[in-house]
Amino acid sequence: MARESKGGPLDGENVGASESGPVRVYRLADGRALMLPGTRRPASADALEVLADIQQVVQRMTRDRDVLDELVNEARDNYRLPWSLVGFSVGTTAEAARQRWTA
């Protein structure tokens, strides 16, 4: 995806450490922030924007997965819907759905 360069500093602020080393937070021109390993420096402000977009999508996916888990539990626990309907609704087989949401 082509992006217009917005410029901005590429120096992040150290905020702590993870198992893989130091962690830095970068603030983008649009106000978003993203975290990256402190040992890696992005090549450009545009690269930071792409990484921020990736992190936002992952955050949304995580929230959506949590909601889906709650809905599947509701379908099974409250309405006793069969795995075949749950599987069909998520685009998979009954067995795959059962394996994903049990245990």
PDB file of N, CA and C in Angstrom:
ATOM      1  N   MET A   1       0.846  -1.165   0.000  1.00  0.00           N
ATOM      2  CA  MET A   1       0.000   0.000   0.000  1.00  0.00           C
ATOM      3  C   MET A   1       0.897   1.235   0.000  1.00  0.00           C
ATOM      4  N   ALA A   2       0.748   2.116  -0.955  1.00  0.00           N
ATOM      5  CA  ALA A   2       1.547   3.333  -1.025  1.00  0.00           C
ATOM      6  C   ALA A   2       1.109   4.302   0.061  1.00  0.00           C
ATOM      7  N   ARG A   3       2.073   4.963   0.672  1.00  0.00           N
ATOM      8  CA  ARG A   3       1.781   5.896   1.753  1.00  0.00           C
ATOM      9  C   ARG A   3       2.518   7.195   1.512  1.00  0.00           C
ATOM     10  N   GLU A   4       1.889   8.259   1.935  1.00  0.00           N
ATOM     11  CA  GLU A   4       2.524   9.560   1.865  1.00  0.00           C
ATOM     12  C   GLU A   4       3.402   9.715   3.092  1.00  0.00           C
ATOM     13  N   SER A   5       4.646  10.075   2.899  1.00  0.00           N
ATOM     14  CA  SER A   5       5.552  10.225   4.022  1.00  0.00           C
ATOM     15  C   SER A   5       5.137  11.424   4.866  1.00  0.00           C
ATOM     16  N   LYS A   6       5.050  11.199   6.172  1.00  0.00           N
ATOM     17  CA  LYS A   6       4.680  12.267   7.080  1.00  0.00           C
ATOM     18  C   LYS A   6       5.882  12.771   7.866  1.00  0.00           C
ATOM     19  N   GLY A   7       7.009  12.112   7.658  1.00  0.00           N
ATOM     20  CA  GLY A   7       8.186  12.527   8.394  1.00  0.00           C
ATOM     21  C   GLY A   7       8.052  12.176   9.860  1.00  0.00           C
ATOM     22  N   GLY A   8       8.836  12.826  10.708  1.00  0.00           N
ATOM     23  CA  GLY A   8       8.722  12.610  12.141  1.00  0.00           C
ATOM     24  C   GLY A   8       9.920  11.864  12.671  1.00  0.00           C
ATOM     25  N   PRO A   9      10.103  11.938  13.980  1.00  0.00           N
ATOM     26  CA  PRO A   9      11.278  11.314  14.590  1.00  0.00           C
ATOM     27  C   PRO A   9      11.194   9.797  14.561  1.00  0.00           C
ATOM     28  N   LEU A  10      12.342   9.178  14.443  1.00  0.00           N
ATOM     29  CA  LEU A  10      12.408   7.721  14.472  1.00  0.00           C
ATOM     30  C   LEU A  10      13.016   7.216  15.769  1.00  0.00           C
ATOM     31  N   ASP A  11      13.187   8.099  16.738  1.00  0.00           N
ATOM     32  CA  ASP A  11      13.737   7.687  18.019  1.00  0.00           C
ATOM     33  C   ASP A  11      12.609   7.338  18.962  1.00  0.00           C
ATOM     34  N   GLY A  12      12.599   6.121  19.423  1.00  0.00           N
ATOM     35  CA  GLY A  12      11.573   5.695  20.366  1.00  0.00           C
ATOM     36  C   GLY A  12      12.026   5.919  21.793  1.00  0.00           C
ATOM     37  N   GLU A  13      11.086   5.796  22.707  1.00  0.00           N
ATOM     38  CA  GLU A  13      11.368   5.960  24.125  1.00  0.00           C
ATOM     39  C   GLU A  13      11.409   4.584  24.775  1.00  0.00           C
ATOM     40  N   ASN A  14      12.472   4.303  25.532  1.00  0.00           N
ATOM     41  CA  ASN A  14      12.561   3.035  26.248  1.00  0.00           C
ATOM     42  C   ASN A  14      11.460   2.968  27.294  1.00  0.00           C
ATOM     43  N   VAL A  15      10.723   1.853  27.316  1.00  0.00           N
ATOM     44  CA  VAL A  15       9.637   1.711  28.276  1.00  0.00           C
ATOM     45  C   VAL A  15       9.755   0.451  29.123  1.00  0.00           C
ATOM     46  N   GLY A  16      10.748  -0.349  28.899  1.00  0.00           N
ATOM     47  CA  GLY A  16      10.893  -1.569  29.676  1.00  0.00           C
ATOM     48  C   GLY A  16      11.588  -2.635  28.884  1.00  0.00           C
ATOM     49  N   ALA A  17      11.318  -3.868  29.271  1.00  0.00           N
ATOM     50  CA  ALA A  17      11.985  -4.992  28.611  1.00  0.00           C
ATOM     51  C   ALA A  17      11.019  -6.156  28.471  1.00  0.00           C
ATOM     52  N   SER A  18      11.313  -6.977  27.494  1.00  0.00           N
ATOM     53  CA  SER A  18      10.575  -8.215  27.286  1.00  0.00           C
ATOM     54  C   SER A  18      11.579  -9.351  27.314  1.00  0.00           C
ATOM     55  N   GLU A  19      11.111 -10.559  27.051  1.00  0.00           N
ATOM     56  CA  GLU A  19      12.020 -11.707  27.023  1.00  0.00           C
ATOM     57  C   GLU A  19      13.113 -11.529  25.981  1.00  0.00           C
ATOM     58  N   SER A  20      12.793 -10.772  24.919  1.00  0.00           N
ATOM     59  CA  SER A  20      13.761 -10.613  23.830  1.00  0.00           C
ATOM     60  C   SER A  20      14.615  -9.354  23.962  1.00  0.00           C
ATOM     61  N   GLY A  21      14.456  -8.589  25.037  1.00  0.00           N
ATOM     62  CA  GLY A  21      15.283  -7.403  25.234  1.00  0.00           C
ATOM     63  C   GLY A  21      14.465  -6.153  25.482  1.00  0.00           C
ATOM     64  N   PRO A  22      15.103  -4.986  25.309  1.00  0.00           N
ATOM     65  CA  PRO A  22      14.415  -3.729  25.599  1.00  0.00           C
ATOM     66  C   PRO A  22      13.258  -3.467  24.638  1.00  0.00           C
ATOM     67  N   VAL A  23      12.290  -2.690  25.110  1.00  0.00           N
ATOM     68  CA  VAL A  23      11.127  -2.313  24.314  1.00  0.00           C
ATOM     69  C   VAL A  23      11.073  -0.797  24.223  1.00  0.00           C
ATOM     70  N   ARG A  24      10.811  -0.311  23.003  1.00  0.00           N
ATOM     71  CA  ARG A  24      10.707   1.137  22.775  1.00  0.00           C
ATOM     72  C   ARG A  24       9.316   1.452  22.249  1.00  0.00           C
ATOM     73  N   VAL A  25       8.805   2.622  22.615  1.00  0.00           N
ATOM     74  CA  VAL A  25       7.531   3.108  22.106  1.00  0.00           C
ATOM     75  C   VAL A  25       7.820   4.248  21.148  1.00  0.00           C
ATOM     76  N   TYR A  26       7.184   4.188  19.997  1.00  0.00           N
ATOM     77  CA  TYR A  26       7.308   5.232  18.982  1.00  0.00           C
ATOM     78  C   TYR A  26       5.969   5.946  18.874  1.00  0.00           C
ATOM     79  N   ARG A  27       5.982   7.265  18.850  1.00  0.00           N
ATOM     80  CA  ARG A  27       4.767   8.064  18.688  1.00  0.00           C
ATOM     81  C   ARG A  27       4.737   8.570  17.254  1.00  0.00           C
ATOM     82  N   LEU A  28       3.635   8.316  16.548  1.00  0.00           N
ATOM     83  CA  LEU A  28       3.498   8.740  15.160  1.00  0.00           C
ATOM     84  C   LEU A  28       2.892  10.133  15.088  1.00  0.00           C
ATOM     85  N   ALA A  29       3.001  10.757  13.933  1.00  0.00           N
ATOM     86  CA  ALA A  29       2.485  12.110  13.734  1.00  0.00           C
ATOM     87  C   ALA A  29       0.981  12.181  13.973  1.00  0.00           C
ATOM     88  N   ASP A  30       0.253  11.087  13.711  1.00  0.00           N
ATOM     89  CA  ASP A  30      -1.204  11.089  13.898  1.00  0.00           C
ATOM     90  C   ASP A  30      -1.617  10.756  15.327  1.00  0.00           C
ATOM     91  N   GLY A  31      -0.641  10.631  16.230  1.00  0.00           N
ATOM     92  CA  GLY A  31      -0.940  10.393  17.631  1.00  0.00           C
ATOM     93  C   GLY A  31      -0.896   8.942  18.060  1.00  0.00           C
ATOM     94  N   ARG A  32      -0.867   8.023  17.105  1.00  0.00           N
ATOM     95  CA  ARG A  32      -0.802   6.604  17.454  1.00  0.00           C
ATOM     96  C   ARG A  32       0.566   6.279  18.028  1.00  0.00           C
ATOM     97  N   ALA A  33       0.590   5.238  18.824  1.00  0.00           N
ATOM     98  CA  ALA A  33       1.848   4.759  19.381  1.00  0.00           C
ATOM     99  C   ALA A  33       1.996   3.284  19.053  1.00  0.00           C
ATOM    100  N   LEU A  34       3.209   2.828  18.926  1.00  0.00           N
ATOM    101  CA  LEU A  34       3.454   1.407  18.734  1.00  0.00           C
ATOM    102  C   LEU A  34       4.697   1.008  19.482  1.00  0.00           C
ATOM    103  N   MET A  35       4.765  -0.259  19.845  1.00  0.00           N
ATOM    104  CA  MET A  35       5.917  -0.783  20.565  1.00  0.00           C
ATOM    105  C   MET A  35       6.716  -1.683  19.643  1.00  0.00           C
ATOM    106  N   LEU A  36       8.031  -1.566  19.762  1.00  0.00           N
ATOM    107  CA  LEU A  36       8.938  -2.401  18.975  1.00  0.00           C
ATOM    108  C   LEU A  36      10.104  -2.825  19.845  1.00  0.00           C
ATOM    109  N   PRO A  37      10.761  -3.910  19.476  1.00  0.00           N
ATOM    110  CA  PRO A  37      11.970  -4.291  20.207  1.00  0.00           C
ATOM    111  C   PRO A  37      12.999  -3.173  20.119  1.00  0.00           C
ATOM    112  N   GLY A  38      13.643  -2.869  21.228  1.00  0.00           N
ATOM    113  CA  GLY A  38      14.609  -1.778  21.263  1.00  0.00           C
ATOM    114  C   GLY A  38      15.860  -2.034  20.449  1.00  0.00           C
ATOM    115  N   THR A  39      16.080  -3.271  20.071  1.00  0.00           N
ATOM    116  CA  THR A  39      17.286  -3.607  19.317  1.00  0.00           C
ATOM    117  C   THR A  39      17.119  -3.373  17.823  1.00  0.00           C
ATOM    118  N   ARG A  40      15.893  -3.096  17.371  1.00  0.00           N
ATOM    119  CA  ARG A  40      15.629  -2.890  15.939  1.00  0.00           C
ATOM    120  C   ARG A  40      15.154  -1.472  15.705  1.00  0.00           C
ATOM    121  N   ARG A  41      15.767  -0.787  14.757  1.00  0.00           N
ATOM    122  CA  ARG A  41      15.358   0.565  14.417  1.00  0.00           C
ATOM    123  C   ARG A  41      14.686   0.537  13.048  1.00  0.00           C
ATOM    124  N   PRO A  42      13.445   1.056  12.934  1.00  0.00           N
ATOM    125  CA  PRO A  42      12.749   1.075  11.646  1.00  0.00           C
ATOM    126  C   PRO A  42      13.498   1.917  10.623  1.00  0.00           C
ATOM    127  N   ALA A  43      13.335   1.564   9.368  1.00  0.00           N
ATOM    128  CA  ALA A  43      14.037   2.249   8.291  1.00  0.00           C
ATOM    129  C   ALA A  43      13.472   3.637   8.029  1.00  0.00           C
ATOM    130  N   SER A  44      12.184   3.852   8.275  1.00  0.00           N
ATOM    131  CA  SER A  44      11.578   5.142   7.938  1.00  0.00           C
ATOM    132  C   SER A  44      10.304   5.357   8.747  1.00  0.00           C
ATOM    133  N   ALA A  45       9.811   6.594   8.699  1.00  0.00           N
ATOM    134  CA  ALA A  45       8.527   6.908   9.338  1.00  0.00           C
ATOM    135  C   ALA A  45       7.407   6.118   8.666  1.00  0.00           C
ATOM    136  N   ASP A  46       7.514   5.918   7.357  1.00  0.00           N
ATOM    137  CA  ASP A  46       6.502   5.126   6.649  1.00  0.00           C
ATOM    138  C   ASP A  46       6.476   3.689   7.156  1.00  0.00           C
ATOM    139  N   ALA A  47       7.651   3.134   7.448  1.00  0.00           N
ATOM    140  CA  ALA A  47       7.718   1.776   7.980  1.00  0.00           C
ATOM    141  C   ALA A  47       7.045   1.711   9.345  1.00  0.00           C
ATOM    142  N   LEU A  48       7.217   2.755  10.157  1.00  0.00           N
ATOM    143  CA  LEU A  48       6.543   2.806  11.451  1.00  0.00           C
ATOM    144  C   LEU A  48       5.025   2.807  11.278  1.00  0.00           C
ATOM    145  N   GLU A  49       4.543   3.540  10.281  1.00  0.00           N
ATOM    146  CA  GLU A  49       3.101   3.604  10.020  1.00  0.00           C
ATOM    147  C   GLU A  49       2.552   2.220   9.673  1.00  0.00           C
ATOM    148  N   VAL A  50       3.267   1.491   8.836  1.00  0.00           N
ATOM    149  CA  VAL A  50       2.817   0.148   8.457  1.00  0.00           C
ATOM    150  C   VAL A  50       2.800  -0.762   9.681  1.00  0.00           C
ATOM    151  N   LEU A  51       3.832  -0.686  10.498  1.00  0.00           N
ATOM    152  CA  LEU A  51       3.874  -1.515  11.701  1.00  0.00           C
ATOM    153  C   LEU A  51       2.752  -1.137  12.671  1.00  0.00           C
ATOM    154  N   ALA A  52       2.447   0.148  12.793  1.00  0.00           N
ATOM    155  CA  ALA A  52       1.338   0.579  13.650  1.00  0.00           C
ATOM    156  C   ALA A  52       0.017   0.023  13.129  1.00  0.00           C
ATOM    157  N   ASP A  53      -0.162   0.035  11.804  1.00  0.00           N
ATOM    158  CA  ASP A  53      -1.372  -0.535  11.208  1.00  0.00           C
ATOM    159  C   ASP A  53      -1.485  -2.025  11.534  1.00  0.00           C
ATOM    160  N   ILE A  54      -0.376  -2.739  11.427  1.00  0.00           N
ATOM    161  CA  ILE A  54      -0.367  -4.175  11.740  1.00  0.00           C
ATOM    162  C   ILE A  54      -0.772  -4.391  13.192  1.00  0.00           C
ATOM    163  N   GLN A  55      -0.192  -3.617  14.105  1.00  0.00           N
ATOM    164  CA  GLN A  55      -0.508  -3.789  15.513  1.00  0.00           C
ATOM    165  C   GLN A  55      -1.973  -3.466  15.812  1.00  0.00           C
ATOM    166  N   GLN A  56      -2.535  -2.466  15.141  1.00  0.00           N
ATOM    167  CA  GLN A  56      -3.949  -2.145  15.334  1.00  0.00           C
ATOM    168  C   GLN A  56      -4.849  -3.283  14.861  1.00  0.00           C
ATOM    169  N   VAL A  57      -4.524  -3.864  13.711  1.00  0.00           N
ATOM    170  CA  VAL A  57      -5.326  -4.978  13.192  1.00  0.00           C
ATOM    171  C   VAL A  57      -5.267  -6.160  14.157  1.00  0.00           C
ATOM    172  N   VAL A  58      -4.099  -6.460  14.681  1.00  0.00           N
ATOM    173  CA  VAL A  58      -3.957  -7.568  15.620  1.00  0.00           C
ATOM    174  C   VAL A  58      -4.773  -7.303  16.890  1.00  0.00           C
ATOM    175  N   GLN A  59      -4.770  -6.071  17.364  1.00  0.00           N
ATOM    176  CA  GLN A  59      -5.578  -5.734  18.547  1.00  0.00           C
ATOM    177  C   GLN A  59      -7.067  -5.945  18.273  1.00  0.00           C
ATOM    178  N   ARG A  60      -7.527  -5.514  17.097  1.00  0.00           N
ATOM    179  CA  ARG A  60      -8.935  -5.733  16.740  1.00  0.00           C
ATOM    180  C   ARG A  60      -9.249  -7.219  16.634  1.00  0.00           C
ATOM    181  N   MET A  61      -8.339  -7.977  16.017  1.00  0.00           N
ATOM    182  CA  MET A  61      -8.553  -9.419  15.869  1.00  0.00           C
ATOM    183  C   MET A  61      -8.641 -10.096  17.239  1.00  0.00           C
ATOM    184  N   THR A  62      -7.816  -9.675  18.166  1.00  0.00           N
ATOM    185  CA  THR A  62      -7.834 -10.248  19.510  1.00  0.00           C
ATOM    186  C   THR A  62      -9.157  -9.956  20.199  1.00  0.00           C
ATOM    187  N   ARG A  63      -9.627  -8.703  20.105  1.00  0.00           N
ATOM    188  CA  ARG A  63     -10.924  -8.359  20.693  1.00  0.00           C
ATOM    189  C   ARG A  63     -12.048  -9.157  20.032  1.00  0.00           C
ATOM    190  N   ASP A  64     -12.010  -9.253  18.707  1.00  0.00           N
ATOM    191  CA  ASP A  64     -13.048 -10.001  17.990  1.00  0.00           C
ATOM    192  C   ASP A  64     -13.026 -11.482  18.358  1.00  0.00           C
ATOM    193  N   ARG A  65     -11.838 -12.046  18.546  1.00  0.00           N
ATOM    194  CA  ARG A  65     -11.729 -13.453  18.930  1.00  0.00           C
ATOM    195  C   ARG A  65     -12.345 -13.665  20.311  1.00  0.00           C
ATOM    196  N   ASP A  66     -12.123 -12.724  21.222  1.00  0.00           N
ATOM    197  CA  ASP A  66     -12.713 -12.823  22.559  1.00  0.00           C
ATOM    198  C   ASP A  66     -14.240 -12.788  22.483  1.00  0.00           C
ATOM    199  N   VAL A  67     -14.774 -11.905  21.648  1.00  0.00           N
ATOM    200  CA  VAL A  67     -16.226 -11.814  21.473  1.00  0.00           C
ATOM    201  C   VAL A  67     -16.755 -13.112  20.865  1.00  0.00           C
ATOM    202  N   LEU A  68     -16.062 -13.642  19.861  1.00  0.00           N
ATOM    203  CA  LEU A  68     -16.485 -14.892  19.232  1.00  0.00           C
ATOM    204  C   LEU A  68     -16.505 -16.028  20.248  1.00  0.00           C
ATOM    205  N   ASP A  69     -15.478 -16.099  21.091  1.00  0.00           N
ATOM    206  CA  ASP A  69     -15.442 -17.142  22.120  1.00  0.00           C
ATOM    207  C   ASP A  69     -16.671 -17.045  23.025  1.00  0.00           C
ATOM    208  N   GLU A  70     -17.022 -15.837  23.427  1.00  0.00           N
ATOM    209  CA  GLU A  70     -18.192 -15.634  24.289  1.00  0.00           C
ATOM    210  C   GLU A  70     -19.477 -16.055  23.574  1.00  0.00           C
ATOM    211  N   LEU A  71     -19.598 -15.701  22.288  1.00  0.00           N
ATOM    212  CA  LEU A  71     -20.800 -16.057  21.538  1.00  0.00           C
ATOM    213  C   LEU A  71     -20.930 -17.567  21.339  1.00  0.00           C
ATOM    214  N   VAL A  72     -19.825 -18.230  21.057  1.00  0.00           N
ATOM    215  CA  VAL A  72     -19.868 -19.690  20.902  1.00  0.00           C
ATOM    216  C   VAL A  72     -20.270 -20.332  22.225  1.00  0.00           C
ATOM    217  N   ASN A  73     -19.704 -19.847  23.322  1.00  0.00           N
ATOM    218  CA  ASN A  73     -20.092 -20.397  24.626  1.00  0.00           C
ATOM    219  C   ASN A  73     -21.576 -20.171  24.897  1.00  0.00           C
ATOM    220  N   GLU A  74     -22.078 -18.998  24.549  1.00  0.00           N
ATOM    221  CA  GLU A  74     -23.500 -18.714  24.725  1.00  0.00           C
ATOM    222  C   GLU A  74     -24.353 -19.649  23.864  1.00  0.00           C
ATOM    223  N   ALA A  75     -23.952 -19.823  22.614  1.00  0.00           N
ATOM    224  CA  ALA A  75     -24.705 -20.693  21.709  1.00  0.00           C
ATOM    225  C   ALA A  75     -24.773 -22.122  22.247  1.00  0.00           C
ATOM    226  N   ARG A  76     -23.669 -22.604  22.765  1.00  0.00           N
ATOM    227  CA  ARG A  76     -23.617 -23.974  23.270  1.00  0.00           C
ATOM    228  C   ARG A  76     -24.274 -24.098  24.641  1.00  0.00           C
ATOM    229  N   ASP A  77     -23.942 -23.184  25.570  1.00  0.00           N
ATOM    230  CA  ASP A  77     -24.404 -23.319  26.949  1.00  0.00           C
ATOM    231  C   ASP A  77     -25.865 -22.909  27.134  1.00  0.00           C
ATOM    232  N   ASN A  78     -26.248 -21.789  26.545  1.00  0.00           N
ATOM    233  CA  ASN A  78     -27.596 -21.252  26.776  1.00  0.00           C
ATOM    234  C   ASN A  78     -28.631 -21.811  25.804  1.00  0.00           C
ATOM    235  N   TYR A  79     -28.207 -22.076  24.580  1.00  0.00           N
ATOM    236  CA  TYR A  79     -29.169 -22.482  23.552  1.00  0.00           C
ATOM    237  C   TYR A  79     -28.972 -23.916  23.075  1.00  0.00           C
ATOM    238  N   ARG A  80     -27.927 -24.578  23.609  1.00  0.00           N
ATOM    239  CA  ARG A  80     -27.658 -25.982  23.273  1.00  0.00           C
ATOM    240  C   ARG A  80     -27.593 -26.231  21.763  1.00  0.00           C
ATOM    241  N   LEU A  81     -27.036 -25.274  21.041  1.00  0.00           N
ATOM    242  CA  LEU A  81     -26.908 -25.429  19.591  1.00  0.00           C
ATOM    243  C   LEU A  81     -25.856 -26.480  19.282  1.00  0.00           C
ATOM    244  N   PRO A  82     -26.066 -27.281  18.255  1.00  0.00           N
ATOM    245  CA  PRO A  82     -25.111 -28.345  17.925  1.00  0.00           C
ATOM    246  C   PRO A  82     -23.846 -27.767  17.280  1.00  0.00           C
ATOM    247  N   TRP A  83     -22.775 -28.533  17.422  1.00  0.00           N
ATOM    248  CA  TRP A  83     -21.500 -28.130  16.824  1.00  0.00           C
ATOM    249  C   TRP A  83     -21.621 -27.948  15.314  1.00  0.00           C
ATOM    250  N   SER A  84     -22.521 -28.676  14.686  1.00  0.00           N
ATOM    251  CA  SER A  84     -22.670 -28.529  13.229  1.00  0.00           C
ATOM    252  C   SER A  84     -23.102 -27.116  12.864  1.00  0.00           C
ATOM    253  N   LEU A  85     -24.007 -26.512  13.638  1.00  0.00           N
ATOM    254  CA  LEU A  85     -24.441 -25.139  13.355  1.00  0.00           C
ATOM    255  C   LEU A  85     -23.366 -24.119  13.728  1.00  0.00           C
ATOM    256  N   VAL A  86     -22.689 -24.371  14.822  1.00  0.00           N
ATOM    257  CA  VAL A  86     -21.594 -23.470  15.215  1.00  0.00           C
ATOM    258  C   VAL A  86     -20.495 -23.527  14.156  1.00  0.00           C
ATOM    259  N   GLY A  87     -20.116 -24.740  13.764  1.00  0.00           N
ATOM    260  CA  GLY A  87     -19.073 -24.890  12.743  1.00  0.00           C
ATOM    261  C   GLY A  87     -19.449 -24.227  11.438  1.00  0.00           C
ATOM    262  N   PHE A  88     -20.677 -24.434  10.999  1.00  0.00           N
ATOM    263  CA  PHE A  88     -21.138 -23.808   9.759  1.00  0.00           C
ATOM    264  C   PHE A  88     -21.053 -22.292   9.874  1.00  0.00           C
ATOM    265  N   SER A  89     -21.434 -21.746  11.033  1.00  0.00           N
ATOM    266  CA  SER A  89     -21.470 -20.295  11.230  1.00  0.00           C
ATOM    267  C   SER A  89     -20.082 -19.652  11.220  1.00  0.00           C
ATOM    268  N   VAL A  90     -19.069 -20.433  11.569  1.00  0.00           N
ATOM    269  CA  VAL A  90     -17.704 -19.887  11.550  1.00  0.00           C
ATOM    270  C   VAL A  90     -16.914 -20.374  10.342  1.00  0.00           C
ATOM    271  N   GLY A  91     -17.577 -21.104   9.453  1.00  0.00           N
ATOM    272  CA  GLY A  91     -16.930 -21.511   8.206  1.00  0.00           C
ATOM    273  C   GLY A  91     -16.042 -22.727   8.328  1.00  0.00           C
ATOM    274  N   THR A  92     -16.411 -23.642   9.216  1.00  0.00           N
ATOM    275  CA  THR A  92     -15.605 -24.839   9.378  1.00  0.00           C
ATOM    276  C   THR A  92     -16.525 -26.029   9.645  1.00  0.00           C
ATOM    277  N   THR A  93     -15.944 -27.160   9.948  1.00  0.00           N
ATOM    278  CA  THR A  93     -16.732 -28.352  10.237  1.00  0.00           C
ATOM    279  C   THR A  93     -17.139 -28.368  11.706  1.00  0.00           C
ATOM    280  N   ALA A  94     -18.100 -29.219  12.010  1.00  0.00           N
ATOM    281  CA  ALA A  94     -18.533 -29.392  13.391  1.00  0.00           C
ATOM    282  C   ALA A  94     -17.366 -29.864  14.262  1.00  0.00           C
ATOM    283  N   GLU A  95     -16.598 -30.822  13.752  1.00  0.00           N
ATOM    284  CA  GLU A  95     -15.475 -31.358  14.526  1.00  0.00           C
ATOM    285  C   GLU A  95     -14.405 -30.304  14.783  1.00  0.00           C
ATOM    286  N   ALA A  96     -14.094 -29.513  13.772  1.00  0.00           N
ATOM    287  CA  ALA A  96     -13.092 -28.455  13.951  1.00  0.00           C
ATOM    288  C   ALA A  96     -13.566 -27.418  14.980  1.00  0.00           C
ATOM    289  N   ALA A  97     -14.840 -27.062  14.930  1.00  0.00           N
ATOM    290  CA  ALA A  97     -15.385 -26.114  15.908  1.00  0.00           C
ATOM    291  C   ALA A  97     -15.344 -26.716  17.310  1.00  0.00           C
ATOM    292  N   ARG A  98     -15.734 -27.971  17.426  1.00  0.00           N
ATOM    293  CA  ARG A  98     -15.716 -28.628  18.728  1.00  0.00           C
ATOM    294  C   ARG A  98     -14.305 -28.651  19.320  1.00  0.00           C
ATOM    295  N   GLN A  99     -13.320 -28.969  18.490  1.00  0.00           N
ATOM    296  CA  GLN A  99     -11.931 -29.007  18.954  1.00  0.00           C
ATOM    297  C   GLN A  99     -11.443 -27.618  19.351  1.00  0.00           C
ATOM    298  N   ARG A 100     -11.869 -26.613  18.604  1.00  0.00           N
ATOM    299  CA  ARG A 100     -11.416 -25.235  18.878  1.00  0.00           C
ATOM    300  C   ARG A 100     -11.995 -24.701  20.195  1.00  0.00           C
ATOM    301  N   TRP A 101     -13.257 -25.046  20.499  1.00  0.00           N
ATOM    302  CA  TRP A 101     -13.920 -24.419  21.644  1.00  0.00           C
ATOM    303  C   TRP A 101     -14.183 -25.348  22.807  1.00  0.00           C
ATOM    304  N   THR A 102     -13.559 -26.500  22.852  1.00  0.00           N
ATOM    305  CA  THR A 102     -13.682 -27.346  24.042  1.00  0.00           C
ATOM    306  C   THR A 102     -12.291 -27.601  24.596  1.00  0.00           C
ATOM    307  N   ALA A 103     -12.253 -27.829  25.869  1.00  0.00           N
ATOM    308  CA  ALA A 103     -11.033 -28.148  26.626  1.00  0.00           C
ATOM    309  C   ALA A 103     -10.556 -26.974  27.343  1.00  0.00           C
TER     310      ALA A 103
END
